[in-house]
Amino acid sequence: MAKNFPLIDSVINQNWSDILSTMVGLLVYLPYLSYFTLPVYESVKYVYELFG
């Protein structure tokens, strides 16, 4: 496949590297994201239970 379609092969490899880097970035940023979103979620839930 690489001999017949080098462009498609390189595009597929590029997409896989993008996907892998995105997954690694998500794994790295997930603790920070949960650290910031958890208090917001808890406060919203508290307000919702208070007025709901």
PDB file of N, CA and C in Angstrom:
ATOM      1  N   MET A   1       0.835  -1.204   0.000  1.00  0.00           N
ATOM      2  CA  MET A   1       0.000   0.000   0.000  1.00  0.00           C
ATOM      3  C   MET A   1       0.866   1.249   0.000  1.00  0.00           C
ATOM      4  N   ALA A   2       1.981   1.200   0.695  1.00  0.00           N
ATOM      5  CA  ALA A   2       2.845   2.367   0.791  1.00  0.00           C
ATOM      6  C   ALA A   2       3.457   2.702  -0.567  1.00  0.00           C
ATOM      7  N   LYS A   3       3.696   1.667  -1.398  1.00  0.00           N
ATOM      8  CA  LYS A   3       4.297   1.927  -2.708  1.00  0.00           C
ATOM      9  C   LYS A   3       3.274   2.531  -3.663  1.00  0.00           C
ATOM     10  N   ASN A   4       2.050   2.052  -3.605  1.00  0.00           N
ATOM     11  CA  ASN A   4       1.023   2.517  -4.529  1.00  0.00           C
ATOM     12  C   ASN A   4       0.422   3.847  -4.092  1.00  0.00           C
ATOM     13  N   PHE A   5       0.177   4.008  -2.799  1.00  0.00           N
ATOM     14  CA  PHE A   5      -0.468   5.214  -2.294  1.00  0.00           C
ATOM     15  C   PHE A   5       0.356   5.830  -1.161  1.00  0.00           C
ATOM     16  N   PRO A   6       1.470   6.475  -1.497  1.00  0.00           N
ATOM     17  CA  PRO A   6       2.289   7.070  -0.432  1.00  0.00           C
ATOM     18  C   PRO A   6       1.575   8.222   0.259  1.00  0.00           C
ATOM     19  N   LEU A   7       0.771   8.974  -0.509  1.00  0.00           N
ATOM     20  CA  LEU A   7       0.078  10.129   0.067  1.00  0.00           C
ATOM     21  C   LEU A   7      -0.947   9.674   1.105  1.00  0.00           C
ATOM     22  N   ILE A   8      -1.759   8.674   0.726  1.00  0.00           N
ATOM     23  CA  ILE A   8      -2.781   8.173   1.646  1.00  0.00           C
ATOM     24  C   ILE A   8      -2.127   7.577   2.886  1.00  0.00           C
ATOM     25  N   ASP A   9      -1.028   6.845   2.682  1.00  0.00           N
ATOM     26  CA  ASP A   9      -0.339   6.218   3.803  1.00  0.00           C
ATOM     27  C   ASP A   9       0.195   7.276   4.765  1.00  0.00           C
ATOM     28  N   SER A  10       0.785   8.332   4.213  1.00  0.00           N
ATOM     29  CA  SER A  10       1.315   9.387   5.080  1.00  0.00           C
ATOM     30  C   SER A  10       0.183  10.122   5.794  1.00  0.00           C
ATOM     31  N   VAL A  11      -0.954  10.296   5.111  1.00  0.00           N
ATOM     32  CA  VAL A  11      -2.104  10.947   5.746  1.00  0.00           C
ATOM     33  C   VAL A  11      -2.609  10.101   6.910  1.00  0.00           C
ATOM     34  N   ILE A  12      -2.672   8.773   6.699  1.00  0.00           N
ATOM     35  CA  ILE A  12      -3.129   7.879   7.771  1.00  0.00           C
ATOM     36  C   ILE A  12      -2.164   7.937   8.948  1.00  0.00           C
ATOM     37  N   ASN A  13      -0.859   7.919   8.660  1.00  0.00           N
ATOM     38  CA  ASN A  13       0.121   7.999   9.742  1.00  0.00           C
ATOM     39  C   ASN A  13       0.007   9.327  10.475  1.00  0.00           C
ATOM     40  N   GLN A  14      -0.205  10.402   9.726  1.00  0.00           N
ATOM     41  CA  GLN A  14      -0.349  11.725  10.340  1.00  0.00           C
ATOM     42  C   GLN A  14      -1.573  11.754  11.246  1.00  0.00           C
ATOM     43  N   ASN A  15      -2.674  11.185  10.771  1.00  0.00           N
ATOM     44  CA  ASN A  15      -3.886  11.157  11.585  1.00  0.00           C
ATOM     45  C   ASN A  15      -3.674  10.356  12.857  1.00  0.00           C
ATOM     46  N   TRP A  16      -2.966   9.215  12.748  1.00  0.00           N
ATOM     47  CA  TRP A  16      -2.722   8.400  13.938  1.00  0.00           C
ATOM     48  C   TRP A  16      -1.851   9.141  14.933  1.00  0.00           C
ATOM     49  N   SER A  17      -0.845   9.860  14.446  1.00  0.00           N
ATOM     50  CA  SER A  17       0.010  10.610  15.369  1.00  0.00           C
ATOM     51  C   SER A  17      -0.774  11.737  16.021  1.00  0.00           C
ATOM     52  N   ASP A  18      -1.671  12.374  15.255  1.00  0.00           N
ATOM     53  CA  ASP A  18      -2.524  13.418  15.834  1.00  0.00           C
ATOM     54  C   ASP A  18      -3.436  12.832  16.908  1.00  0.00           C
ATOM     55  N   ILE A  19      -4.019  11.671  16.618  1.00  0.00           N
ATOM     56  CA  ILE A  19      -4.918  11.034  17.584  1.00  0.00           C
ATOM     57  C   ILE A  19      -4.155  10.654  18.847  1.00  0.00           C
ATOM     58  N   LEU A  20      -2.958  10.089  18.682  1.00  0.00           N
ATOM     59  CA  LEU A  20      -2.168   9.682  19.844  1.00  0.00           C
ATOM     60  C   LEU A  20      -1.760  10.886  20.672  1.00  0.00           C
ATOM     61  N   SER A  21      -1.322  11.952  20.010  1.00  0.00           N
ATOM     62  CA  SER A  21      -0.917  13.148  20.754  1.00  0.00           C
ATOM     63  C   SER A  21      -2.117  13.769  21.460  1.00  0.00           C
ATOM     64  N   THR A  22      -3.287  13.722  20.821  1.00  0.00           N
ATOM     65  CA  THR A  22      -4.491  14.248  21.457  1.00  0.00           C
ATOM     66  C   THR A  22      -4.858  13.429  22.689  1.00  0.00           C
ATOM     67  N   MET A  23      -4.749  12.096  22.584  1.00  0.00           N
ATOM     68  CA  MET A  23      -5.061  11.244  23.726  1.00  0.00           C
ATOM     69  C   MET A  23      -4.086  11.477  24.866  1.00  0.00           C
ATOM     70  N   VAL A  24      -2.795  11.614  24.539  1.00  0.00           N
ATOM     71  CA  VAL A  24      -1.791  11.878  25.573  1.00  0.00           C
ATOM     72  C   VAL A  24      -2.061  13.223  26.224  1.00  0.00           C
ATOM     73  N   GLY A  25      -2.409  14.217  25.416  1.00  0.00           N
ATOM     74  CA  GLY A  25      -2.721  15.534  25.959  1.00  0.00           C
ATOM     75  C   GLY A  25      -3.927  15.492  26.873  1.00  0.00           C
ATOM     76  N   LEU A  26      -4.947  14.714  26.479  1.00  0.00           N
ATOM     77  CA  LEU A  26      -6.127  14.577  27.328  1.00  0.00           C
ATOM     78  C   LEU A  26      -5.774  13.901  28.640  1.00  0.00           C
ATOM     79  N   LEU A  27      -4.928  12.859  28.580  1.00  0.00           N
ATOM     80  CA  LEU A  27      -4.528  12.170  29.804  1.00  0.00           C
ATOM     81  C   LEU A  27      -3.742  13.095  30.711  1.00  0.00           C
ATOM     82  N   VAL A  28      -2.937  13.975  30.104  1.00  0.00           N
ATOM     83  CA  VAL A  28      -2.141  14.908  30.907  1.00  0.00           C
ATOM     84  C   VAL A  28      -3.036  15.971  31.526  1.00  0.00           C
ATOM     85  N   TYR A  29      -4.000  16.479  30.742  1.00  0.00           N
ATOM     86  CA  TYR A  29      -4.815  17.598  31.222  1.00  0.00           C
ATOM     87  C   TYR A  29      -6.037  17.160  32.021  1.00  0.00           C
ATOM     88  N   LEU A  30      -6.341  15.857  32.033  1.00  0.00           N
ATOM     89  CA  LEU A  30      -7.530  15.382  32.733  1.00  0.00           C
ATOM     90  C   LEU A  30      -7.507  15.697  34.223  1.00  0.00           C
ATOM     91  N   PRO A  31      -6.390  15.472  34.947  1.00  0.00           N
ATOM     92  CA  PRO A  31      -6.379  15.844  36.371  1.00  0.00           C
ATOM     93  C   PRO A  31      -6.621  17.331  36.588  1.00  0.00           C
ATOM     94  N   TYR A  32      -5.974  18.181  35.771  1.00  0.00           N
ATOM     95  CA  TYR A  32      -6.199  19.622  35.900  1.00  0.00           C
ATOM     96  C   TYR A  32      -7.658  19.961  35.607  1.00  0.00           C
ATOM     97  N   LEU A  33      -8.211  19.325  34.581  1.00  0.00           N
ATOM     98  CA  LEU A  33      -9.588  19.596  34.186  1.00  0.00           C
ATOM     99  C   LEU A  33     -10.549  19.204  35.301  1.00  0.00           C
ATOM    100  N   SER A  34     -10.355  18.001  35.862  1.00  0.00           N
ATOM    101  CA  SER A  34     -11.233  17.561  36.945  1.00  0.00           C
ATOM    102  C   SER A  34     -11.021  18.417  38.183  1.00  0.00           C
ATOM    103  N   TYR A  35      -9.778  18.866  38.399  1.00  0.00           N
ATOM    104  CA  TYR A  35      -9.484  19.706  39.561  1.00  0.00           C
ATOM    105  C   TYR A  35     -10.249  21.021  39.481  1.00  0.00           C
ATOM    106  N   PHE A  36     -10.423  21.532  38.243  1.00  0.00           N
ATOM    107  CA  PHE A  36     -11.132  22.805  38.080  1.00  0.00           C
ATOM    108  C   PHE A  36     -12.641  22.617  37.953  1.00  0.00           C
ATOM    109  N   THR A  37     -13.074  21.525  37.322  1.00  0.00           N
ATOM    110  CA  THR A  37     -14.503  21.365  37.061  1.00  0.00           C
ATOM    111  C   THR A  37     -15.250  20.770  38.241  1.00  0.00           C
ATOM    112  N   LEU A  38     -14.569  20.010  39.095  1.00  0.00           N
ATOM    113  CA  LEU A  38     -15.251  19.365  40.215  1.00  0.00           C
ATOM    114  C   LEU A  38     -15.830  20.371  41.204  1.00  0.00           C
ATOM    115  N   PRO A  39     -15.091  21.392  41.654  1.00  0.00           N
ATOM    116  CA  PRO A  39     -15.702  22.379  42.550  1.00  0.00           C
ATOM    117  C   PRO A  39     -16.867  23.117  41.896  1.00  0.00           C
ATOM    118  N   VAL A  40     -16.737  23.421  40.606  1.00  0.00           N
ATOM    119  CA  VAL A  40     -17.823  24.102  39.893  1.00  0.00           C
ATOM    120  C   VAL A  40     -19.059  23.208  39.858  1.00  0.00           C
ATOM    121  N   TYR A  41     -18.852  21.946  39.557  1.00  0.00           N
ATOM    122  CA  TYR A  41     -19.972  21.001  39.513  1.00  0.00           C
ATOM    123  C   TYR A  41     -20.609  20.847  40.887  1.00  0.00           C
ATOM    124  N   GLU A  42     -19.793  20.761  41.926  1.00  0.00           N
ATOM    125  CA  GLU A  42     -20.322  20.618  43.285  1.00  0.00           C
ATOM    126  C   GLU A  42     -21.119  21.849  43.694  1.00  0.00           C
ATOM    127  N   SER A  43     -20.604  23.034  43.376  1.00  0.00           N
ATOM    128  CA  SER A  43     -21.309  24.265  43.747  1.00  0.00           C
ATOM    129  C   SER A  43     -22.621  24.398  42.972  1.00  0.00           C
ATOM    130  N   VAL A  44     -22.605  24.029  41.690  1.00  0.00           N
ATOM    131  CA  VAL A  44     -23.835  24.086  40.893  1.00  0.00           C
ATOM    132  C   VAL A  44     -24.860  23.100  41.443  1.00  0.00           C
ATOM    133  N   LYS A  45     -24.396  21.904  41.817  1.00  0.00           N
ATOM    134  CA  LYS A  45     -25.302  20.912  42.383  1.00  0.00           C
ATOM    135  C   LYS A  45     -25.865  21.396  43.719  1.00  0.00           C
ATOM    136  N   TYR A  46     -25.028  22.055  44.511  1.00  0.00           N
ATOM    137  CA  TYR A  46     -25.465  22.577  45.808  1.00  0.00           C
ATOM    138  C   TYR A  46     -26.538  23.647  45.626  1.00  0.00           C
ATOM    139  N   VAL A  47     -26.291  24.566  44.687  1.00  0.00           N
ATOM    140  CA  VAL A  47     -27.266  25.631  44.412  1.00  0.00           C
ATOM    141  C   VAL A  47     -28.558  25.034  43.859  1.00  0.00           C
ATOM    142  N   TYR A  48     -28.421  24.033  42.990  1.00  0.00           N
ATOM    143  CA  TYR A  48     -29.608  23.395  42.410  1.00  0.00           C
ATOM    144  C   TYR A  48     -30.439  22.710  43.489  1.00  0.00           C
ATOM    145  N   GLU A  49     -29.767  22.029  44.421  1.00  0.00           N
ATOM    146  CA  GLU A  49     -30.496  21.367  45.502  1.00  0.00           C
ATOM    147  C   GLU A  49     -31.080  22.392  46.468  1.00  0.00           C
ATOM    148  N   LEU A  50     -30.413  23.530  46.604  1.00  0.00           N
ATOM    149  CA  LEU A  50     -30.879  24.562  47.524  1.00  0.00           C
ATOM    150  C   LEU A  50     -32.185  25.183  47.024  1.00  0.00           C
ATOM    151  N   PHE A  51     -32.219  25.515  45.717  1.00  0.00           N
ATOM    152  CA  PHE A  51     -33.392  26.189  45.156  1.00  0.00           C
ATOM    153  C   PHE A  51     -34.366  25.212  44.501  1.00  0.00           C
ATOM    154  N   GLY A  52     -33.885  24.021  44.126  1.00  0.00           N
ATOM    155  CA  GLY A  52     -34.759  23.054  43.486  1.00  0.00           C
ATOM    156  C   GLY A  52     -35.467  22.277  44.548  1.00  0.00           C
TER     157      GLY A  52
END
